[in-house]
């Protein structure tokens, strides 16, 4: 079977027939991620309880697949929360990269799944809630000059860089 990791739909089709992949999605052997065509393969305990042991590391792997292996780092309030400088979680994930600027609103997807009265839809809503409410991709043309550190949960901006990014990206709104 699949090991604990994020995987794209194309990679799944290379390993399994399309009917098997569809059945794996329906039976929640593959968890959805915030990105279309990218799935998280849970371990049996996660699958049984419909939770993700480490949502941030799963999100990091799915972002890497979404950005097609381009470098990125978490910044703004996300980095400050991880560093312990902000105690109240914002529910927003700020991702800085050199390629795209995008906004993914997970609240709408969660509410849409909660309105359906099926067990599967409610489980999917619970899984998506673990990622946060909003994922914001910020494009930085000077990405190479940014300062960030690698952690077991992904790359995070230094505190100084996070504060610079907050000033830069909140001004652009």
C-alpha atoms as a PDB file:
ATOM      1  CA  UNK A   1       0.000   0.000   0.000  1.00  0.00           C
ATOM      2  CA  UNK A   2       1.007   3.641   0.170  1.00  0.00           C
ATOM      3  CA  UNK A   3       3.353   4.974   2.798  1.00  0.00           C
ATOM      4  CA  UNK A   4       2.628   8.138   4.785  1.00  0.00           C
ATOM      5  CA  UNK A   5       3.233  10.934   2.286  1.00  0.00           C
ATOM      6  CA  UNK A   6       1.619  13.388  -0.101  1.00  0.00           C
ATOM      7  CA  UNK A   7       1.099  12.220  -3.645  1.00  0.00           C
ATOM      8  CA  UNK A   8      -0.339  13.649  -6.856  1.00  0.00           C
ATOM      9  CA  UNK A   9      -3.145  12.091  -8.864  1.00  0.00           C
ATOM     10  CA  UNK A  10      -0.744  11.457 -11.764  1.00  0.00           C
ATOM     11  CA  UNK A  11       1.637   9.543  -9.476  1.00  0.00           C
ATOM     12  CA  UNK A  12      -1.282   7.471  -8.198  1.00  0.00           C
ATOM     13  CA  UNK A  13      -2.298   6.536 -11.740  1.00  0.00           C
ATOM     14  CA  UNK A  14       1.232   5.252 -12.400  1.00  0.00           C
ATOM     15  CA  UNK A  15       0.915   2.825  -9.469  1.00  0.00           C
ATOM     16  CA  UNK A  16      -2.791   1.874  -9.525  1.00  0.00           C
ATOM     17  CA  UNK A  17      -5.607   1.602 -12.065  1.00  0.00           C
ATOM     18  CA  UNK A  18      -8.070   4.517 -12.177  1.00  0.00           C
ATOM     19  CA  UNK A  19     -10.883   2.480 -10.555  1.00  0.00           C
ATOM     20  CA  UNK A  20      -8.649   1.612  -7.579  1.00  0.00           C
ATOM     21  CA  UNK A  21      -7.628   5.267  -7.153  1.00  0.00           C
ATOM     22  CA  UNK A  22     -11.284   6.328  -7.205  1.00  0.00           C
ATOM     23  CA  UNK A  23     -12.149   3.706  -4.588  1.00  0.00           C
ATOM     24  CA  UNK A  24      -9.238   4.880  -2.398  1.00  0.00           C
ATOM     25  CA  UNK A  25     -10.597   8.431  -2.499  1.00  0.00           C
ATOM     26  CA  UNK A  26     -14.168   7.377  -1.738  1.00  0.00           C
ATOM     27  CA  UNK A  27     -13.156   5.174   1.217  1.00  0.00           C
ATOM     28  CA  UNK A  28     -10.795   7.896   2.511  1.00  0.00           C
ATOM     29  CA  UNK A  29      -7.666   5.800   2.113  1.00  0.00           C
ATOM     30  CA  UNK A  30      -6.399   9.089   0.667  1.00  0.00           C
ATOM     31  CA  UNK A  31      -7.135  12.334   2.490  1.00  0.00           C
ATOM     32  CA  UNK A  32      -7.755  15.528   0.517  1.00  0.00           C
ATOM     33  CA  UNK A  33      -5.369  18.448   0.822  1.00  0.00           C
ATOM     34  CA  UNK A  34      -6.166  22.109   0.133  1.00  0.00           C
ATOM     35  CA  UNK A  35      -4.844  21.652  -3.413  1.00  0.00           C
ATOM     36  CA  UNK A  36      -6.691  19.990  -6.257  1.00  0.00           C
ATOM     37  CA  UNK A  37      -5.072  16.758  -7.436  1.00  0.00           C
ATOM     38  CA  UNK A  38      -2.815  16.347  -4.384  1.00  0.00           C
ATOM     39  CA  UNK A  39      -3.664  13.804  -1.685  1.00  0.00           C
ATOM     40  CA  UNK A  40      -2.262  12.739   1.661  1.00  0.00           C
ATOM     41  CA  UNK A  41      -1.788   9.011   2.283  1.00  0.00           C
ATOM     42  CA  UNK A  42      -2.379   8.483   6.023  1.00  0.00           C
ATOM     43  CA  UNK A  43      -1.169   5.704   8.281  1.00  0.00           C
ATOM     44  CA  UNK A  44      -3.900   3.298   9.513  1.00  0.00           C
ATOM     45  CA  UNK A  45      -4.323   5.071  12.893  1.00  0.00           C
ATOM     46  CA  UNK A  46      -4.818   8.433  11.170  1.00  0.00           C
ATOM     47  CA  UNK A  47      -7.260   6.929   8.709  1.00  0.00           C
ATOM     48  CA  UNK A  48      -9.323   5.271  11.425  1.00  0.00           C
ATOM     49  CA  UNK A  49      -9.606   8.492  13.485  1.00  0.00           C
ATOM     50  CA  UNK A  50      -9.788  10.845  10.433  1.00  0.00           C
ATOM     51  CA  UNK A  51      -7.022  13.124  11.651  1.00  0.00           C
ATOM     52  CA  UNK A  52      -3.533  14.091  10.519  1.00  0.00           C
ATOM     53  CA  UNK A  53      -0.774  13.518  13.038  1.00  0.00           C
ATOM     54  CA  UNK A  54       1.276  16.496  11.851  1.00  0.00           C
ATOM     55  CA  UNK A  55      -0.847  18.792   9.654  1.00  0.00           C
ATOM     56  CA  UNK A  56       1.949  21.339   9.132  1.00  0.00           C
ATOM     57  CA  UNK A  57       4.419  18.783   7.770  1.00  0.00           C
ATOM     58  CA  UNK A  58       1.688  17.302   5.525  1.00  0.00           C
ATOM     59  CA  UNK A  59       0.893  20.830   4.333  1.00  0.00           C
ATOM     60  CA  UNK A  60       4.592  21.467   3.669  1.00  0.00           C
ATOM     61  CA  UNK A  61       4.829  18.374   1.453  1.00  0.00           C
ATOM     62  CA  UNK A  62       1.620  19.256  -0.411  1.00  0.00           C
ATOM     63  CA  UNK A  63       2.787  22.863  -0.964  1.00  0.00           C
ATOM     64  CA  UNK A  64       6.049  21.500  -2.357  1.00  0.00           C
ATOM     65  CA  UNK A  65       4.086  19.384  -4.850  1.00  0.00           C
ATOM     66  CA  UNK A  66       1.738  22.291  -5.638  1.00  0.00           C
ATOM     67  CA  UNK A  67       4.672  24.634  -6.353  1.00  0.00           C
ATOM     68  CA  UNK A  68       6.405  21.867  -8.341  1.00  0.00           C
ATOM     69  CA  UNK A  69       9.425  21.658  -5.998  1.00  0.00           C
ATOM     70  CA  UNK A  70      10.121  25.413  -6.106  1.00  0.00           C
ATOM     71  CA  UNK A  71      11.554  26.823  -2.870  1.00  0.00           C
ATOM     72  CA  UNK A  72       9.205  28.521  -0.399  1.00  0.00           C
ATOM     73  CA  UNK A  73       9.001  29.413   3.273  1.00  0.00           C
ATOM     74  CA  UNK A  74       6.324  30.193   5.841  1.00  0.00           C
ATOM     75  CA  UNK A  75       6.295  33.824   6.882  1.00  0.00           C
ATOM     76  CA  UNK A  76       4.267  36.656   8.450  1.00  0.00           C
ATOM     77  CA  UNK A  77       1.996  35.540  11.292  1.00  0.00           C
ATOM     78  CA  UNK A  78       2.638  31.850  10.531  1.00  0.00           C
ATOM     79  CA  UNK A  79       6.361  32.213  11.274  1.00  0.00           C
ATOM     80  CA  UNK A  80       5.722  34.375  14.342  1.00  0.00           C
ATOM     81  CA  UNK A  81       3.290  31.785  15.735  1.00  0.00           C
ATOM     82  CA  UNK A  82       5.825  28.986  15.167  1.00  0.00           C
ATOM     83  CA  UNK A  83       8.548  31.027  16.900  1.00  0.00           C
ATOM     84  CA  UNK A  84       6.307  31.677  19.903  1.00  0.00           C
ATOM     85  CA  UNK A  85       6.050  35.425  19.261  1.00  0.00           C
ATOM     86  CA  UNK A  86       2.286  35.244  18.721  1.00  0.00           C
ATOM     87  CA  UNK A  87       0.238  33.133  21.033  1.00  0.00           C
ATOM     88  CA  UNK A  88      -3.156  33.393  19.455  1.00  0.00           C
ATOM     89  CA  UNK A  89      -3.443  31.320  16.261  1.00  0.00           C
ATOM     90  CA  UNK A  90      -4.654  33.282  13.265  1.00  0.00           C
ATOM     91  CA  UNK A  91      -5.790  30.304  11.196  1.00  0.00           C
ATOM     92  CA  UNK A  92      -3.927  31.805   8.226  1.00  0.00           C
ATOM     93  CA  UNK A  93      -0.966  30.179   6.534  1.00  0.00           C
ATOM     94  CA  UNK A  94       1.361  32.629   4.752  1.00  0.00           C
ATOM     95  CA  UNK A  95       3.637  31.068   2.137  1.00  0.00           C
ATOM     96  CA  UNK A  96       6.292  33.164   0.394  1.00  0.00           C
ATOM     97  CA  UNK A  97       7.710  31.955  -2.918  1.00  0.00           C
ATOM     98  CA  UNK A  98       9.131  33.346  -6.110  1.00  0.00           C
ATOM     99  CA  UNK A  99       6.427  32.080  -8.470  1.00  0.00           C
ATOM    100  CA  UNK A 100       2.779  32.695  -7.559  1.00  0.00           C
ATOM    101  CA  UNK A 101       0.482  34.944  -5.595  1.00  0.00           C
ATOM    102  CA  UNK A 102      -2.777  33.245  -4.674  1.00  0.00           C
ATOM    103  CA  UNK A 103      -5.458  32.968  -1.985  1.00  0.00           C
ATOM    104  CA  UNK A 104      -7.088  29.642  -1.039  1.00  0.00           C
ATOM    105  CA  UNK A 105     -10.136  29.987   1.216  1.00  0.00           C
ATOM    106  CA  UNK A 106     -10.706  26.702   3.036  1.00  0.00           C
ATOM    107  CA  UNK A 107     -13.700  27.979   5.033  1.00  0.00           C
ATOM    108  CA  UNK A 108     -15.967  27.738   1.985  1.00  0.00           C
ATOM    109  CA  UNK A 109     -14.884  24.156   1.265  1.00  0.00           C
ATOM    110  CA  UNK A 110     -15.337  23.174   4.898  1.00  0.00           C
ATOM    111  CA  UNK A 111     -18.821  24.724   5.069  1.00  0.00           C
ATOM    112  CA  UNK A 112     -19.820  23.067   1.790  1.00  0.00           C
ATOM    113  CA  UNK A 113     -18.808  19.662   3.180  1.00  0.00           C
ATOM    114  CA  UNK A 114     -20.533  20.275   6.519  1.00  0.00           C
ATOM    115  CA  UNK A 115     -23.829  21.044   4.735  1.00  0.00           C
ATOM    116  CA  UNK A 116     -23.847  17.585   3.185  1.00  0.00           C
ATOM    117  CA  UNK A 117     -25.268  15.118   5.648  1.00  0.00           C
ATOM    118  CA  UNK A 118     -22.919  12.225   4.945  1.00  0.00           C
ATOM    119  CA  UNK A 119     -20.294  10.815   7.268  1.00  0.00           C
ATOM    120  CA  UNK A 120     -17.631  11.059   4.576  1.00  0.00           C
ATOM    121  CA  UNK A 121     -18.308  14.770   3.948  1.00  0.00           C
ATOM    122  CA  UNK A 122     -18.151  15.563   7.661  1.00  0.00           C
ATOM    123  CA  UNK A 123     -14.855  13.659   7.941  1.00  0.00           C
ATOM    124  CA  UNK A 124     -13.457  15.612   4.987  1.00  0.00           C
ATOM    125  CA  UNK A 125     -14.537  18.882   6.645  1.00  0.00           C
ATOM    126  CA  UNK A 126     -12.722  17.832   9.815  1.00  0.00           C
ATOM    127  CA  UNK A 127      -9.585  16.930   7.882  1.00  0.00           C
ATOM    128  CA  UNK A 128      -9.563  20.246   6.005  1.00  0.00           C
ATOM    129  CA  UNK A 129     -10.052  22.197   9.268  1.00  0.00           C
ATOM    130  CA  UNK A 130      -6.678  20.907  10.450  1.00  0.00           C
ATOM    131  CA  UNK A 131      -4.911  22.925   7.747  1.00  0.00           C
ATOM    132  CA  UNK A 132      -6.335  26.296   8.838  1.00  0.00           C
ATOM    133  CA  UNK A 133      -8.883  28.744   7.450  1.00  0.00           C
ATOM    134  CA  UNK A 134      -6.918  30.501   4.729  1.00  0.00           C
ATOM    135  CA  UNK A 135      -3.733  29.855   2.765  1.00  0.00           C
ATOM    136  CA  UNK A 136      -2.090  32.924   1.273  1.00  0.00           C
ATOM    137  CA  UNK A 137       0.703  32.624  -1.273  1.00  0.00           C
ATOM    138  CA  UNK A 138       2.843  35.757  -1.568  1.00  0.00           C
ATOM    139  CA  UNK A 139       5.155  36.230  -4.539  1.00  0.00           C
ATOM    140  CA  UNK A 140       8.486  37.775  -3.648  1.00  0.00           C
ATOM    141  CA  UNK A 141      10.556  38.893  -6.622  1.00  0.00           C
ATOM    142  CA  UNK A 142      13.652  39.023  -4.385  1.00  0.00           C
ATOM    143  CA  UNK A 143      13.166  35.548  -2.924  1.00  0.00           C
ATOM    144  CA  UNK A 144      16.898  34.775  -2.954  1.00  0.00           C
ATOM    145  CA  UNK A 145      17.565  37.618  -0.475  1.00  0.00           C
ATOM    146  CA  UNK A 146      15.065  36.268   2.061  1.00  0.00           C
ATOM    147  CA  UNK A 147      16.277  34.730   5.322  1.00  0.00           C
ATOM    148  CA  UNK A 148      14.648  31.545   6.548  1.00  0.00           C
ATOM    149  CA  UNK A 149      15.589  28.419   8.443  1.00  0.00           C
ATOM    150  CA  UNK A 150      14.679  24.792   7.848  1.00  0.00           C
ATOM    151  CA  UNK A 151      12.831  22.964  10.632  1.00  0.00           C
ATOM    152  CA  UNK A 152      11.319  19.471  10.795  1.00  0.00           C
ATOM    153  CA  UNK A 153       7.939  21.052   9.922  1.00  0.00           C
ATOM    154  CA  UNK A 154       9.200  23.056   6.964  1.00  0.00           C
ATOM    155  CA  UNK A 155      11.089  26.256   6.148  1.00  0.00           C
ATOM    156  CA  UNK A 156      10.210  29.262   8.345  1.00  0.00           C
ATOM    157  CA  UNK A 157      11.249  32.894   8.021  1.00  0.00           C
ATOM    158  CA  UNK A 158      13.460  34.377  10.701  1.00  0.00           C
ATOM    159  CA  UNK A 159      11.666  36.772  13.037  1.00  0.00           C
ATOM    160  CA  UNK A 160      13.201  39.799  11.320  1.00  0.00           C
ATOM    161  CA  UNK A 161      12.274  38.503   7.872  1.00  0.00           C
ATOM    162  CA  UNK A 162       8.716  37.738   9.037  1.00  0.00           C
ATOM    163  CA  UNK A 163       8.282  41.318  10.244  1.00  0.00           C
ATOM    164  CA  UNK A 164       9.632  42.658   6.919  1.00  0.00           C
ATOM    165  CA  UNK A 165       7.246  40.389   5.027  1.00  0.00           C
ATOM    166  CA  UNK A 166       4.287  41.562   7.122  1.00  0.00           C
ATOM    167  CA  UNK A 167       5.065  45.182   6.212  1.00  0.00           C
ATOM    168  CA  UNK A 168       5.624  44.314   2.538  1.00  0.00           C
ATOM    169  CA  UNK A 169       2.629  42.067   1.898  1.00  0.00           C
ATOM    170  CA  UNK A 170       0.059  43.872   4.014  1.00  0.00           C
ATOM    171  CA  UNK A 171       0.867  47.106   2.207  1.00  0.00           C
ATOM    172  CA  UNK A 172       0.086  45.429  -1.152  1.00  0.00           C
ATOM    173  CA  UNK A 173      -3.526  44.574  -0.178  1.00  0.00           C
END
